Every structure is written in structure tokens, then in C-alpha cells.
PDB file of all heavy atoms in Angstrom:
ATOM      1  N   THR A   1       1.755   3.185  -7.401  1.00  0.00           N
ATOM      2  CA  THR A   1       3.098   3.827  -7.383  1.00  0.00           C
ATOM      3  C   THR A   1       3.475   4.249  -5.978  1.00  0.00           C
ATOM      4  O   THR A   1       4.619   4.065  -5.548  1.00  0.00           O
ATOM      5  CB  THR A   1       3.093   5.041  -8.337  1.00  0.00           C
ATOM      6  OG1 THR A   1       2.785   4.600  -9.648  1.00  0.00           O
ATOM      7  CG2 THR A   1       4.439   5.747  -8.332  1.00  0.00           C
ATOM      8  N   GLU A   2       2.524   4.823  -5.243  1.00  0.00           N
ATOM      9  CA  GLU A   2       2.774   5.220  -3.845  1.00  0.00           C
ATOM     10  C   GLU A   2       3.162   3.978  -3.016  1.00  0.00           C
ATOM     11  O   GLU A   2       4.098   4.041  -2.213  1.00  0.00           O
ATOM     12  CB  GLU A   2       1.519   5.823  -3.228  1.00  0.00           C
ATOM     13  CG  GLU A   2       1.165   7.193  -3.728  1.00  0.00           C
ATOM     14  CD  GLU A   2      -0.126   7.688  -3.091  1.00  0.00           C
ATOM     15  OE1 GLU A   2      -0.297   7.538  -1.843  1.00  0.00           O
ATOM     16  OE2 GLU A   2      -0.970   8.260  -3.812  1.00  0.00           O
ATOM     17  N   LEU A   3       2.452   2.896  -3.220  1.00  0.00           N
ATOM     18  CA  LEU A   3       2.726   1.675  -2.480  1.00  0.00           C
ATOM     19  C   LEU A   3       4.134   1.136  -2.755  1.00  0.00           C
ATOM     20  O   LEU A   3       4.859   0.750  -1.831  1.00  0.00           O
ATOM     21  CB  LEU A   3       1.674   0.596  -2.809  1.00  0.00           C
ATOM     22  CG  LEU A   3       1.779  -0.733  -2.088  1.00  0.00           C
ATOM     23  CD1 LEU A   3       1.747  -0.540  -0.542  1.00  0.00           C
ATOM     24  CD2 LEU A   3       0.666  -1.662  -2.498  1.00  0.00           C
ATOM     25  N   ILE A   4       4.528   1.126  -3.996  1.00  0.00           N
ATOM     26  CA  ILE A   4       5.863   0.671  -4.378  1.00  0.00           C
ATOM     27  C   ILE A   4       6.923   1.543  -3.706  1.00  0.00           C
ATOM     28  O   ILE A   4       7.905   1.010  -3.148  1.00  0.00           O
ATOM     29  CB  ILE A   4       6.035   0.677  -5.901  1.00  0.00           C
ATOM     30  CG1 ILE A   4       5.182  -0.412  -6.546  1.00  0.00           C
ATOM     31  CG2 ILE A   4       7.503   0.541  -6.306  1.00  0.00           C
ATOM     32  CD1 ILE A   4       5.011  -0.290  -8.048  1.00  0.00           C
ATOM     33  N   ASP A   5       6.728   2.845  -3.676  1.00  0.00           N
ATOM     34  CA  ASP A   5       7.677   3.746  -3.028  1.00  0.00           C
ATOM     35  C   ASP A   5       7.749   3.501  -1.514  1.00  0.00           C
ATOM     36  O   ASP A   5       8.849   3.489  -0.938  1.00  0.00           O
ATOM     37  CB  ASP A   5       7.304   5.208  -3.289  1.00  0.00           C
ATOM     38  CG  ASP A   5       7.461   5.611  -4.730  1.00  0.00           C
ATOM     39  OD1 ASP A   5       8.176   4.889  -5.506  1.00  0.00           O
ATOM     40  OD2 ASP A   5       6.881   6.644  -5.143  1.00  0.00           O
ATOM     41  N   ILE A   6       6.609   3.311  -0.882  1.00  0.00           N
ATOM     42  CA  ILE A   6       6.573   3.080   0.572  1.00  0.00           C
ATOM     43  C   ILE A   6       7.220   1.746   0.918  1.00  0.00           C
ATOM     44  O   ILE A   6       7.957   1.655   1.917  1.00  0.00           O
ATOM     45  CB  ILE A   6       5.124   3.147   1.092  1.00  0.00           C
ATOM     46  CG1 ILE A   6       4.602   4.595   1.033  1.00  0.00           C
ATOM     47  CG2 ILE A   6       4.980   2.603   2.506  1.00  0.00           C
ATOM     48  CD1 ILE A   6       5.330   5.573   1.921  1.00  0.00           C
ATOM     49  N   VAL A   7       6.971   0.718   0.126  1.00  0.00           N
ATOM     50  CA  VAL A   7       7.616  -0.591   0.368  1.00  0.00           C
ATOM     51  C   VAL A   7       9.129  -0.446   0.267  1.00  0.00           C
ATOM     52  O   VAL A   7       9.886  -0.991   1.107  1.00  0.00           O
ATOM     53  CB  VAL A   7       7.101  -1.652  -0.597  1.00  0.00           C
ATOM     54  CG1 VAL A   7       7.958  -2.909  -0.543  1.00  0.00           C
ATOM     55  CG2 VAL A   7       5.644  -2.012  -0.295  1.00  0.00           C
ATOM     56  N   ALA A   8       9.605   0.288  -0.736  1.00  0.00           N
ATOM     57  CA  ALA A   8      11.045   0.458  -0.911  1.00  0.00           C
ATOM     58  C   ALA A   8      11.646   1.225   0.270  1.00  0.00           C
ATOM     59  O   ALA A   8      12.791   0.935   0.690  1.00  0.00           O
ATOM     60  CB  ALA A   8      11.325   1.188  -2.207  1.00  0.00           C
ATOM     61  N   LYS A   9      10.888   2.141   0.820  1.00  0.00           N
ATOM     62  CA  LYS A   9      11.404   2.975   1.912  1.00  0.00           C
ATOM     63  C   LYS A   9      11.249   2.321   3.288  1.00  0.00           C
ATOM     64  O   LYS A   9      12.164   2.383   4.114  1.00  0.00           O
ATOM     65  CB  LYS A   9      10.658   4.329   1.894  1.00  0.00           C
ATOM     66  CG  LYS A   9      11.233   5.333   2.839  1.00  0.00           C
ATOM     67  CD  LYS A   9      10.612   6.718   2.593  1.00  0.00           C
ATOM     68  CE  LYS A   9      11.254   7.755   3.473  1.00  0.00           C
ATOM     69  NZ  LYS A   9      10.713   9.087   3.245  1.00  0.00           N
ATOM     70  N   TYR A  10      10.106   1.691   3.565  1.00  0.00           N
ATOM     71  CA  TYR A  10       9.785   1.195   4.906  1.00  0.00           C
ATOM     72  C   TYR A  10       9.690  -0.327   5.016  1.00  0.00           C
ATOM     73  O   TYR A  10       9.600  -0.856   6.139  1.00  0.00           O
ATOM     74  CB  TYR A  10       8.484   1.810   5.411  1.00  0.00           C
ATOM     75  CG  TYR A  10       8.538   3.306   5.537  1.00  0.00           C
ATOM     76  CD1 TYR A  10       7.939   4.131   4.598  1.00  0.00           C
ATOM     77  CD2 TYR A  10       9.216   3.898   6.597  1.00  0.00           C
ATOM     78  CE1 TYR A  10       7.993   5.501   4.720  1.00  0.00           C
ATOM     79  CE2 TYR A  10       9.288   5.273   6.738  1.00  0.00           C
ATOM     80  CZ  TYR A  10       8.668   6.071   5.773  1.00  0.00           C
ATOM     81  OH  TYR A  10       8.738   7.420   5.907  1.00  0.00           O
ATOM     82  N   GLY A  11       9.621  -1.057   3.895  1.00  0.00           N
ATOM     83  CA  GLY A  11       9.520  -2.488   3.940  1.00  0.00           C
ATOM     84  C   GLY A  11       8.084  -2.989   3.873  1.00  0.00           C
ATOM     85  O   GLY A  11       7.127  -2.198   3.982  1.00  0.00           O
ATOM     86  N   MET A  12       7.948  -4.303   3.717  1.00  0.00           N
ATOM     87  CA  MET A  12       6.648  -4.922   3.529  1.00  0.00           C
ATOM     88  C   MET A  12       5.766  -4.956   4.787  1.00  0.00           C
ATOM     89  O   MET A  12       4.557  -4.952   4.703  1.00  0.00           O
ATOM     90  CB  MET A  12       6.815  -6.360   3.062  1.00  0.00           C
ATOM     91  CG  MET A  12       7.291  -6.500   1.629  1.00  0.00           C
ATOM     92  SD  MET A  12       6.072  -5.980   0.427  1.00  0.00           S
ATOM     93  CE  MET A  12       4.868  -7.265   0.637  1.00  0.00           C
ATOM     94  N   SER A  13       6.382  -4.935   5.954  1.00  0.00           N
ATOM     95  CA  SER A  13       5.592  -5.073   7.180  1.00  0.00           C
ATOM     96  C   SER A  13       5.311  -3.755   7.883  1.00  0.00           C
ATOM     97  O   SER A  13       4.786  -3.767   9.000  1.00  0.00           O
ATOM     98  CB  SER A  13       6.284  -6.032   8.142  1.00  0.00           C
ATOM     99  OG  SER A  13       7.588  -5.589   8.421  1.00  0.00           O
ATOM    100  N   SER A  14       5.604  -2.665   7.240  1.00  0.00           N
ATOM    101  CA  SER A  14       5.365  -1.356   7.813  1.00  0.00           C
ATOM    102  C   SER A  14       3.863  -1.057   7.903  1.00  0.00           C
ATOM    103  O   SER A  14       3.068  -1.486   7.034  1.00  0.00           O
ATOM    104  CB  SER A  14       6.040  -0.292   6.940  1.00  0.00           C
ATOM    105  OG  SER A  14       5.523   0.988   7.175  1.00  0.00           O
ATOM    106  N   SER A  15       3.462  -0.320   8.923  1.00  0.00           N
ATOM    107  CA  SER A  15       2.052   0.056   9.039  1.00  0.00           C
ATOM    108  C   SER A  15       1.638   0.985   7.889  1.00  0.00           C
ATOM    109  O   SER A  15       0.494   0.954   7.445  1.00  0.00           O
ATOM    110  CB  SER A  15       1.805   0.747  10.392  1.00  0.00           C
ATOM    111  OG  SER A  15       2.568   1.918  10.532  1.00  0.00           O
ATOM    112  N   LYS A  16       2.583   1.765   7.382  1.00  0.00           N
ATOM    113  CA  LYS A  16       2.294   2.633   6.225  1.00  0.00           C
ATOM    114  C   LYS A  16       2.010   1.787   4.995  1.00  0.00           C
ATOM    115  O   LYS A  16       1.119   2.103   4.215  1.00  0.00           O
ATOM    116  CB  LYS A  16       3.461   3.603   5.960  1.00  0.00           C
ATOM    117  CG  LYS A  16       3.675   4.598   7.061  1.00  0.00           C
ATOM    118  CD  LYS A  16       4.868   5.488   6.787  1.00  0.00           C
ATOM    119  CE  LYS A  16       5.106   6.364   7.971  1.00  0.00           C
ATOM    120  NZ  LYS A  16       5.692   7.648   7.625  1.00  0.00           N
ATOM    121  N   THR A  17       2.793   0.716   4.834  1.00  0.00           N
ATOM    122  CA  THR A  17       2.589  -0.197   3.708  1.00  0.00           C
ATOM    123  C   THR A  17       1.229  -0.851   3.794  1.00  0.00           C
ATOM    124  O   THR A  17       0.500  -0.927   2.792  1.00  0.00           O
ATOM    125  CB  THR A  17       3.696  -1.271   3.681  1.00  0.00           C
ATOM    126  OG1 THR A  17       4.976  -0.637   3.558  1.00  0.00           O
ATOM    127  CG2 THR A  17       3.485  -2.263   2.565  1.00  0.00           C
ATOM    128  N   LEU A  18       0.884  -1.308   4.977  1.00  0.00           N
ATOM    129  CA  LEU A  18      -0.429  -1.970   5.181  1.00  0.00           C
ATOM    130  C   LEU A  18      -1.575  -1.022   4.858  1.00  0.00           C
ATOM    131  O   LEU A  18      -2.499  -1.386   4.153  1.00  0.00           O
ATOM    132  CB  LEU A  18      -0.541  -2.470   6.617  1.00  0.00           C
ATOM    133  CG  LEU A  18      -1.865  -3.132   6.979  1.00  0.00           C
ATOM    134  CD1 LEU A  18      -2.105  -4.372   6.101  1.00  0.00           C
ATOM    135  CD2 LEU A  18      -1.870  -3.512   8.439  1.00  0.00           C
ATOM    136  N   LYS A  19      -1.464   0.201   5.316  1.00  0.00           N
ATOM    137  CA  LYS A  19      -2.539   1.187   5.069  1.00  0.00           C
ATOM    138  C   LYS A  19      -2.701   1.440   3.561  1.00  0.00           C
ATOM    139  O   LYS A  19      -3.813   1.440   3.045  1.00  0.00           O
ATOM    140  CB  LYS A  19      -2.215   2.494   5.783  1.00  0.00           C
ATOM    141  CG  LYS A  19      -3.241   3.584   5.624  1.00  0.00           C
ATOM    142  CD  LYS A  19      -2.861   4.844   6.387  1.00  0.00           C
ATOM    143  CE  LYS A  19      -3.895   5.928   6.307  1.00  0.00           C
ATOM    144  NZ  LYS A  19      -3.991   6.541   5.008  1.00  0.00           N
ATOM    145  N   LEU A  20      -1.602   1.669   2.877  1.00  0.00           N
ATOM    146  CA  LEU A  20      -1.684   1.903   1.438  1.00  0.00           C
ATOM    147  C   LEU A  20      -2.189   0.673   0.672  1.00  0.00           C
ATOM    148  O   LEU A  20      -2.951   0.798  -0.278  1.00  0.00           O
ATOM    149  CB  LEU A  20      -0.343   2.345   0.876  1.00  0.00           C
ATOM    150  CG  LEU A  20       0.001   3.816   1.037  1.00  0.00           C
ATOM    151  CD1 LEU A  20       1.415   4.104   0.552  1.00  0.00           C
ATOM    152  CD2 LEU A  20      -0.963   4.705   0.325  1.00  0.00           C
ATOM    153  N   SER A  21      -1.771  -0.481   1.119  1.00  0.00           N
ATOM    154  CA  SER A  21      -2.238  -1.735   0.500  1.00  0.00           C
ATOM    155  C   SER A  21      -3.739  -1.865   0.642  1.00  0.00           C
ATOM    156  O   SER A  21      -4.444  -2.256  -0.305  1.00  0.00           O
ATOM    157  CB  SER A  21      -1.526  -2.919   1.126  1.00  0.00           C
ATOM    158  OG  SER A  21      -2.013  -4.130   0.587  1.00  0.00           O
ATOM    159  N   GLN A  22      -4.280  -1.538   1.800  1.00  0.00           N
ATOM    160  CA  GLN A  22      -5.729  -1.596   2.024  1.00  0.00           C
ATOM    161  C   GLN A  22      -6.449  -0.569   1.172  1.00  0.00           C
ATOM    162  O   GLN A  22      -7.523  -0.846   0.627  1.00  0.00           O
ATOM    163  CB  GLN A  22      -6.026  -1.394   3.517  1.00  0.00           C
ATOM    164  CG  GLN A  22      -5.589  -2.541   4.355  1.00  0.00           C
ATOM    165  CD  GLN A  22      -5.710  -2.262   5.835  1.00  0.00           C
ATOM    166  OE1 GLN A  22      -5.661  -1.125   6.287  1.00  0.00           O
ATOM    167  NE2 GLN A  22      -5.828  -3.313   6.636  1.00  0.00           N
ATOM    168  N   GLU A  23      -5.867   0.619   1.020  1.00  0.00           N
ATOM    169  CA  GLU A  23      -6.488   1.639   0.163  1.00  0.00           C
ATOM    170  C   GLU A  23      -6.499   1.168  -1.285  1.00  0.00           C
ATOM    171  O   GLU A  23      -7.500   1.370  -1.989  1.00  0.00           O
ATOM    172  CB  GLU A  23      -5.702   2.945   0.280  1.00  0.00           C
ATOM    173  CG  GLU A  23      -5.834   3.616   1.645  1.00  0.00           C
ATOM    174  CD  GLU A  23      -4.941   4.812   1.811  1.00  0.00           C
ATOM    175  OE1 GLU A  23      -4.285   5.240   0.863  1.00  0.00           O
ATOM    176  OE2 GLU A  23      -4.907   5.341   2.962  1.00  0.00           O
ATOM    177  N   LEU A  24      -5.418   0.531  -1.732  1.00  0.00           N
ATOM    178  CA  LEU A  24      -5.376  -0.011  -3.092  1.00  0.00           C
ATOM    179  C   LEU A  24      -6.410  -1.117  -3.260  1.00  0.00           C
ATOM    180  O   LEU A  24      -7.115  -1.136  -4.284  1.00  0.00           O
ATOM    181  CB  LEU A  24      -3.966  -0.538  -3.414  1.00  0.00           C
ATOM    182  CG  LEU A  24      -3.778  -1.149  -4.788  1.00  0.00           C
ATOM    183  CD1 LEU A  24      -4.148  -0.162  -5.908  1.00  0.00           C
ATOM    184  CD2 LEU A  24      -2.349  -1.627  -4.958  1.00  0.00           C
ATOM    185  N   ASP A  25      -6.543  -1.975  -2.291  1.00  0.00           N
ATOM    186  CA  ASP A  25      -7.548  -3.032  -2.336  1.00  0.00           C
ATOM    187  C   ASP A  25      -8.954  -2.446  -2.502  1.00  0.00           C
ATOM    188  O   ASP A  25      -9.775  -2.952  -3.287  1.00  0.00           O
ATOM    189  CB  ASP A  25      -7.548  -3.904  -1.082  1.00  0.00           C
ATOM    190  CG  ASP A  25      -6.357  -4.848  -1.045  1.00  0.00           C
ATOM    191  OD1 ASP A  25      -5.715  -5.056  -2.092  1.00  0.00           O
ATOM    192  OD2 ASP A  25      -6.080  -5.377   0.050  1.00  0.00           O
ATOM    193  N   THR A  26      -9.246  -1.379  -1.746  1.00  0.00           N
ATOM    194  CA  THR A  26     -10.560  -0.734  -1.831  1.00  0.00           C
ATOM    195  C   THR A  26     -10.802  -0.193  -3.234  1.00  0.00           C
ATOM    196  O   THR A  26     -11.886  -0.380  -3.799  1.00  0.00           O
ATOM    197  CB  THR A  26     -10.634   0.413  -0.792  1.00  0.00           C
ATOM    198  OG1 THR A  26     -10.518  -0.149   0.498  1.00  0.00           O
ATOM    199  CG2 THR A  26     -11.969   1.147  -0.903  1.00  0.00           C
ATOM    200  N   LEU A  27      -9.804   0.449  -3.818  1.00  0.00           N
ATOM    201  CA  LEU A  27      -9.945   0.981  -5.185  1.00  0.00           C
ATOM    202  C   LEU A  27     -10.145  -0.155  -6.204  1.00  0.00           C
ATOM    203  O   LEU A  27     -10.980  -0.051  -7.095  1.00  0.00           O
ATOM    204  CB  LEU A  27      -8.710   1.803  -5.576  1.00  0.00           C
ATOM    205  CG  LEU A  27      -8.556   3.129  -4.865  1.00  0.00           C
ATOM    206  CD1 LEU A  27      -7.184   3.740  -5.162  1.00  0.00           C
ATOM    207  CD2 LEU A  27      -9.663   4.096  -5.264  1.00  0.00           C
ATOM    208  N   LEU A  28      -9.394  -1.240  -6.022  1.00  0.00           N
ATOM    209  CA  LEU A  28      -9.536  -2.377  -6.945  1.00  0.00           C
ATOM    210  C   LEU A  28     -10.925  -3.015  -6.831  1.00  0.00           C
ATOM    211  O   LEU A  28     -11.499  -3.399  -7.825  1.00  0.00           O
ATOM    212  CB  LEU A  28      -8.442  -3.403  -6.684  1.00  0.00           C
ATOM    213  CG  LEU A  28      -7.016  -2.992  -7.082  1.00  0.00           C
ATOM    214  CD1 LEU A  28      -5.995  -3.939  -6.508  1.00  0.00           C
ATOM    215  CD2 LEU A  28      -6.912  -2.899  -8.580  1.00  0.00           C
ATOM    216  N   ASN A  29     -11.439  -3.096  -5.616  1.00  0.00           N
ATOM    217  CA  ASN A  29     -12.761  -3.641  -5.427  1.00  0.00           C
ATOM    218  C   ASN A  29     -13.846  -2.745  -6.078  1.00  0.00           C
ATOM    219  O   ASN A  29     -14.782  -3.245  -6.706  1.00  0.00           O
ATOM    220  CB  ASN A  29     -13.108  -3.809  -3.930  1.00  0.00           C
ATOM    221  CG  ASN A  29     -12.356  -4.980  -3.345  1.00  0.00           C
ATOM    222  OD1 ASN A  29     -12.024  -5.935  -4.025  1.00  0.00           O
ATOM    223  ND2 ASN A  29     -12.105  -4.912  -2.040  1.00  0.00           N
ATOM    224  N   LYS A  30     -13.686  -1.443  -5.968  1.00  0.00           N
ATOM    225  CA  LYS A  30     -14.605  -0.512  -6.618  1.00  0.00           C
ATOM    226  C   LYS A  30     -14.561  -0.685  -8.150  1.00  0.00           C
ATOM    227  O   LYS A  30     -15.582  -0.715  -8.818  1.00  0.00           O
ATOM    228  CB  LYS A  30     -14.283   0.931  -6.252  1.00  0.00           C
ATOM    229  CG  LYS A  30     -14.671   1.288  -4.845  1.00  0.00           C
ATOM    230  CD  LYS A  30     -14.316   2.745  -4.538  1.00  0.00           C
ATOM    231  CE  LYS A  30     -14.643   3.082  -3.090  1.00  0.00           C
ATOM    232  NZ  LYS A  30     -14.316   4.451  -2.767  1.00  0.00           N
ATOM    233  N   TYR A  31     -13.329  -0.798  -8.655  1.00  0.00           N
ATOM    234  CA  TYR A  31     -13.182  -1.009 -10.108  1.00  0.00           C
ATOM    235  C   TYR A  31     -13.822  -2.305 -10.543  1.00  0.00           C
ATOM    236  O   TYR A  31     -14.528  -2.366 -11.545  1.00  0.00           O
ATOM    237  CB  TYR A  31     -11.683  -0.987 -10.465  1.00  0.00           C
ATOM    238  CG  TYR A  31     -11.423  -1.239 -11.930  1.00  0.00           C
ATOM    239  CD1 TYR A  31     -11.578  -0.212 -12.848  1.00  0.00           C
ATOM    240  CD2 TYR A  31     -10.999  -2.461 -12.386  1.00  0.00           C
ATOM    241  CE1 TYR A  31     -11.348  -0.410 -14.170  1.00  0.00           C
ATOM    242  CE2 TYR A  31     -10.752  -2.674 -13.730  1.00  0.00           C
ATOM    243  CZ  TYR A  31     -10.946  -1.650 -14.623  1.00  0.00           C
ATOM    244  OH  TYR A  31     -10.717  -1.862 -15.957  1.00  0.00           O
TER     245      TYR A  31
END
């Protein structure tokens, strides 16, 4: 949800988007 909000606000190539995407990847890998 955070990632969707950040993409809507800053776009796909934002450093904030990249950071959240990596955090999501880490959680998905743990799962």
C-alpha cells in the first residue's frame, strides 16, 4: 500500500519508490 501511494505521488523512477520496492522484495523473500 505504501509503495502504491509513493508511485502515485513520485512516479516509478523515484528513489523513494526504489527503496520501498526493495523493502517489499525483502519481505516477499522472507515469506
